[in-house]
Amino acid sequence: QKSASHSKAVVSTQSTGSAKRRWRAFCQLFEYHIDDYNFGTLLRLDCKKTYNEQNTTLVPRVQFLAIEIARNRLGLNMCHFGRGTEKEEEVKDEEKKVDEEKREEESPPVPPPDSTSE
């Protein structure tokens, strides 16, 4: 849930005038460092979905790179590798441990072997 909101928050702010000015100033910092820094690039609005008309927007290349780097650091693109975010993995591991502990508590105790019958 949190990862989806991160993804949308990174992209949705670009529609306001102040956000556009901030992105423009950010992009200008890379004018002499990244080839074609302002070249139009397709960006997925929701990184968990595929590229399609409703899920893409055109942004400068450096903005695309900044957003994708942020998504990678947050683990939002891990869904494309068959894995969730690190936090999701941690939650799954914790749930698995709790389930195993419950099963151990619910199973009847095994009596120790009778040592007198030898």
C-alpha atoms as a PDB file:
ATOM      1  CA  GLN A   1       0.000   0.000   0.000  1.00  0.00           C
ATOM      2  CA  LYS A   2       2.721   2.426   0.994  1.00  0.00           C
ATOM      3  CA  SER A   3       4.838   1.677  -2.069  1.00  0.00           C
ATOM      4  CA  ALA A   4       1.987   2.534  -4.431  1.00  0.00           C
ATOM      5  CA  SER A   5       1.461   5.863  -2.703  1.00  0.00           C
ATOM      6  CA  HIS A   6       5.203   6.618  -2.981  1.00  0.00           C
ATOM      7  CA  SER A   7       5.101   5.980  -6.698  1.00  0.00           C
ATOM      8  CA  LYS A   8       2.066   8.162  -7.301  1.00  0.00           C
ATOM      9  CA  ALA A   9       3.380  10.937  -5.050  1.00  0.00           C
ATOM     10  CA  VAL A  10       6.628  11.172  -6.994  1.00  0.00           C
ATOM     11  CA  VAL A  11       4.817  11.641 -10.294  1.00  0.00           C
ATOM     12  CA  SER A  12       1.563  13.426  -9.432  1.00  0.00           C
ATOM     13  CA  THR A  13       3.243  16.634  -8.210  1.00  0.00           C
ATOM     14  CA  GLN A  14       4.417  17.540 -11.701  1.00  0.00           C
ATOM     15  CA  SER A  15       1.038  19.008 -12.677  1.00  0.00           C
ATOM     16  CA  THR A  16       1.289  22.109 -10.453  1.00  0.00           C
ATOM     17  CA  GLY A  17       3.043  25.277 -11.592  1.00  0.00           C
ATOM     18  CA  SER A  18       5.469  25.389  -8.676  1.00  0.00           C
ATOM     19  CA  ALA A  19       6.388  21.725  -9.176  1.00  0.00           C
ATOM     20  CA  LYS A  20       7.070  22.371 -12.872  1.00  0.00           C
ATOM     21  CA  ARG A  21       9.383  25.257 -11.959  1.00  0.00           C
ATOM     22  CA  ARG A  22      11.225  23.093  -9.425  1.00  0.00           C
ATOM     23  CA  TRP A  23      11.628  20.250 -11.924  1.00  0.00           C
ATOM     24  CA  ARG A  24      12.846  22.706 -14.589  1.00  0.00           C
ATOM     25  CA  ALA A  25      15.465  24.113 -12.189  1.00  0.00           C
ATOM     26  CA  PHE A  26      16.494  20.557 -11.223  1.00  0.00           C
ATOM     27  CA  CYS A  27      16.813  19.518 -14.870  1.00  0.00           C
ATOM     28  CA  GLN A  28      18.973  22.542 -15.699  1.00  0.00           C
ATOM     29  CA  LEU A  29      21.563  21.353 -13.157  1.00  0.00           C
ATOM     30  CA  PHE A  30      22.337  18.442 -15.500  1.00  0.00           C
ATOM     31  CA  GLU A  31      22.502  20.409 -18.754  1.00  0.00           C
ATOM     32  CA  TYR A  32      26.260  19.856 -19.174  1.00  0.00           C
ATOM     33  CA  HIS A  33      26.465  16.447 -17.469  1.00  0.00           C
ATOM     34  CA  ILE A  34      23.875  14.250 -19.205  1.00  0.00           C
ATOM     35  CA  ASP A  35      23.554  13.964 -22.970  1.00  0.00           C
ATOM     36  CA  ASP A  36      20.097  14.956 -24.188  1.00  0.00           C
ATOM     37  CA  TYR A  37      19.119  15.777 -20.585  1.00  0.00           C
ATOM     38  CA  ASN A  38      15.892  17.401 -21.748  1.00  0.00           C
ATOM     39  CA  PHE A  39      15.023  14.830 -24.439  1.00  0.00           C
ATOM     40  CA  GLY A  40      11.412  13.660 -24.080  1.00  0.00           C
ATOM     41  CA  THR A  41      11.102  10.263 -22.408  1.00  0.00           C
ATOM     42  CA  LEU A  42       8.037   8.154 -21.579  1.00  0.00           C
ATOM     43  CA  LEU A  43       7.492   7.623 -17.863  1.00  0.00           C
ATOM     44  CA  ARG A  44       5.057   5.158 -16.303  1.00  0.00           C
ATOM     45  CA  LEU A  45       2.825   6.976 -13.838  1.00  0.00           C
ATOM     46  CA  ASP A  46       2.308   3.776 -11.849  1.00  0.00           C
ATOM     47  CA  CYS A  47       5.509   1.747 -11.973  1.00  0.00           C
ATOM     48  CA  LYS A  48       3.680  -1.526 -11.255  1.00  0.00           C
ATOM     49  CA  LYS A  49       1.609  -1.241 -14.446  1.00  0.00           C
ATOM     50  CA  THR A  50       2.693  -1.552 -18.079  1.00  0.00           C
ATOM     51  CA  TYR A  51       3.270   1.230 -20.550  1.00  0.00           C
ATOM     52  CA  ASN A  52      -0.053   2.283 -22.075  1.00  0.00           C
ATOM     53  CA  GLU A  53      -1.788   5.509 -22.999  1.00  0.00           C
ATOM     54  CA  GLN A  54      -3.396   6.016 -19.576  1.00  0.00           C
ATOM     55  CA  ASN A  55      -0.257   5.134 -17.592  1.00  0.00           C
ATOM     56  CA  THR A  56       2.380   7.220 -19.358  1.00  0.00           C
ATOM     57  CA  THR A  57       3.455  10.804 -19.552  1.00  0.00           C
ATOM     58  CA  LEU A  58       6.244  12.576 -21.411  1.00  0.00           C
ATOM     59  CA  VAL A  59       9.014  13.994 -19.213  1.00  0.00           C
ATOM     60  CA  PRO A  60      12.584  15.220 -19.744  1.00  0.00           C
ATOM     61  CA  ARG A  61      15.169  12.422 -19.617  1.00  0.00           C
ATOM     62  CA  VAL A  62      16.788  13.692 -16.406  1.00  0.00           C
ATOM     63  CA  GLN A  63      13.388  13.758 -14.663  1.00  0.00           C
ATOM     64  CA  PHE A  64      12.774  10.171 -15.805  1.00  0.00           C
ATOM     65  CA  LEU A  65      16.173   9.132 -14.413  1.00  0.00           C
ATOM     66  CA  ALA A  66      15.543  10.886 -11.080  1.00  0.00           C
ATOM     67  CA  ILE A  67      12.129   9.244 -10.650  1.00  0.00           C
ATOM     68  CA  GLU A  68      13.366   5.776 -11.638  1.00  0.00           C
ATOM     69  CA  ILE A  69      16.349   6.057  -9.284  1.00  0.00           C
ATOM     70  CA  ALA A  70      13.978   7.026  -6.453  1.00  0.00           C
ATOM     71  CA  ARG A  71      11.694   4.105  -7.316  1.00  0.00           C
ATOM     72  CA  ASN A  72      14.636   1.701  -7.328  1.00  0.00           C
ATOM     73  CA  ARG A  73      15.868   2.959  -3.957  1.00  0.00           C
ATOM     74  CA  LEU A  74      12.393   2.423  -2.524  1.00  0.00           C
ATOM     75  CA  GLY A  75      12.224  -1.032  -4.098  1.00  0.00           C
ATOM     76  CA  LEU A  76       9.159  -0.150  -6.160  1.00  0.00           C
ATOM     77  CA  ASN A  77      10.477  -1.761  -9.352  1.00  0.00           C
ATOM     78  CA  MET A  78      11.135  -5.127  -7.675  1.00  0.00           C
ATOM     79  CA  CYS A  79       7.683  -6.280  -8.789  1.00  0.00           C
ATOM     80  CA  HIS A  80       9.157  -6.687 -12.280  1.00  0.00           C
ATOM     81  CA  PHE A  81      11.640  -9.232 -10.951  1.00  0.00           C
ATOM     82  CA  GLY A  82       8.976 -11.379  -9.313  1.00  0.00           C
ATOM     83  CA  ARG A  83       9.597  -9.887  -5.889  1.00  0.00           C
ATOM     84  CA  GLY A  84       7.927  -7.217  -3.798  1.00  0.00           C
ATOM     85  CA  THR A  85       9.632  -4.394  -1.968  1.00  0.00           C
ATOM     86  CA  GLU A  86      12.058  -5.143   0.846  1.00  0.00           C
ATOM     87  CA  LYS A  87       9.433  -4.109   3.365  1.00  0.00           C
ATOM     88  CA  GLU A  88       6.875  -6.458   1.791  1.00  0.00           C
ATOM     89  CA  GLU A  89       9.447  -9.272   1.905  1.00  0.00           C
ATOM     90  CA  GLU A  90      10.152  -8.538   5.586  1.00  0.00           C
ATOM     91  CA  VAL A  91       6.427  -8.640   6.388  1.00  0.00           C
ATOM     92  CA  LYS A  92       6.021 -11.957   4.537  1.00  0.00           C
ATOM     93  CA  ASP A  93       9.004 -13.433   6.391  1.00  0.00           C
ATOM     94  CA  GLU A  94       7.598 -12.279   9.733  1.00  0.00           C
ATOM     95  CA  GLU A  95       4.169 -13.718   8.899  1.00  0.00           C
ATOM     96  CA  LYS A  96       5.807 -17.030   7.957  1.00  0.00           C
ATOM     97  CA  LYS A  97       7.645 -17.151  11.315  1.00  0.00           C
ATOM     98  CA  VAL A  98       4.425 -16.418  13.228  1.00  0.00           C
ATOM     99  CA  ASP A  99       2.587 -19.163  11.307  1.00  0.00           C
ATOM    100  CA  GLU A 100       5.346 -21.675  12.072  1.00  0.00           C
ATOM    101  CA  GLU A 101       5.275 -20.739  15.761  1.00  0.00           C
ATOM    102  CA  LYS A 102       1.489 -21.168  15.859  1.00  0.00           C
ATOM    103  CA  ARG A 103       1.747 -24.603  14.239  1.00  0.00           C
ATOM    104  CA  GLU A 104       4.360 -25.651  16.787  1.00  0.00           C
ATOM    105  CA  GLU A 105       2.143 -24.454  19.663  1.00  0.00           C
ATOM    106  CA  GLU A 106      -0.938 -26.212  18.274  1.00  0.00           C
ATOM    107  CA  SER A 107       0.703 -29.548  17.562  1.00  0.00           C
ATOM    108  CA  PRO A 108       0.547 -32.045  20.436  1.00  0.00           C
ATOM    109  CA  PRO A 109       3.788 -32.537  22.298  1.00  0.00           C
ATOM    110  CA  VAL A 110       5.771 -35.586  21.287  1.00  0.00           C
ATOM    111  CA  PRO A 111       6.544 -37.769  24.282  1.00  0.00           C
ATOM    112  CA  PRO A 112      10.222 -38.489  24.802  1.00  0.00           C
ATOM    113  CA  PRO A 113      11.356 -42.002  23.899  1.00  0.00           C
ATOM    114  CA  ASP A 114      11.003 -44.524  26.697  1.00  0.00           C
ATOM    115  CA  SER A 115      14.534 -45.178  27.906  1.00  0.00           C
ATOM    116  CA  THR A 116      13.490 -48.036  30.228  1.00  0.00           C
ATOM    117  CA  SER A 117      12.424 -50.359  27.417  1.00  0.00           C
ATOM    118  CA  GLU A 118      15.977 -50.927  26.197  1.00  0.00           C
END
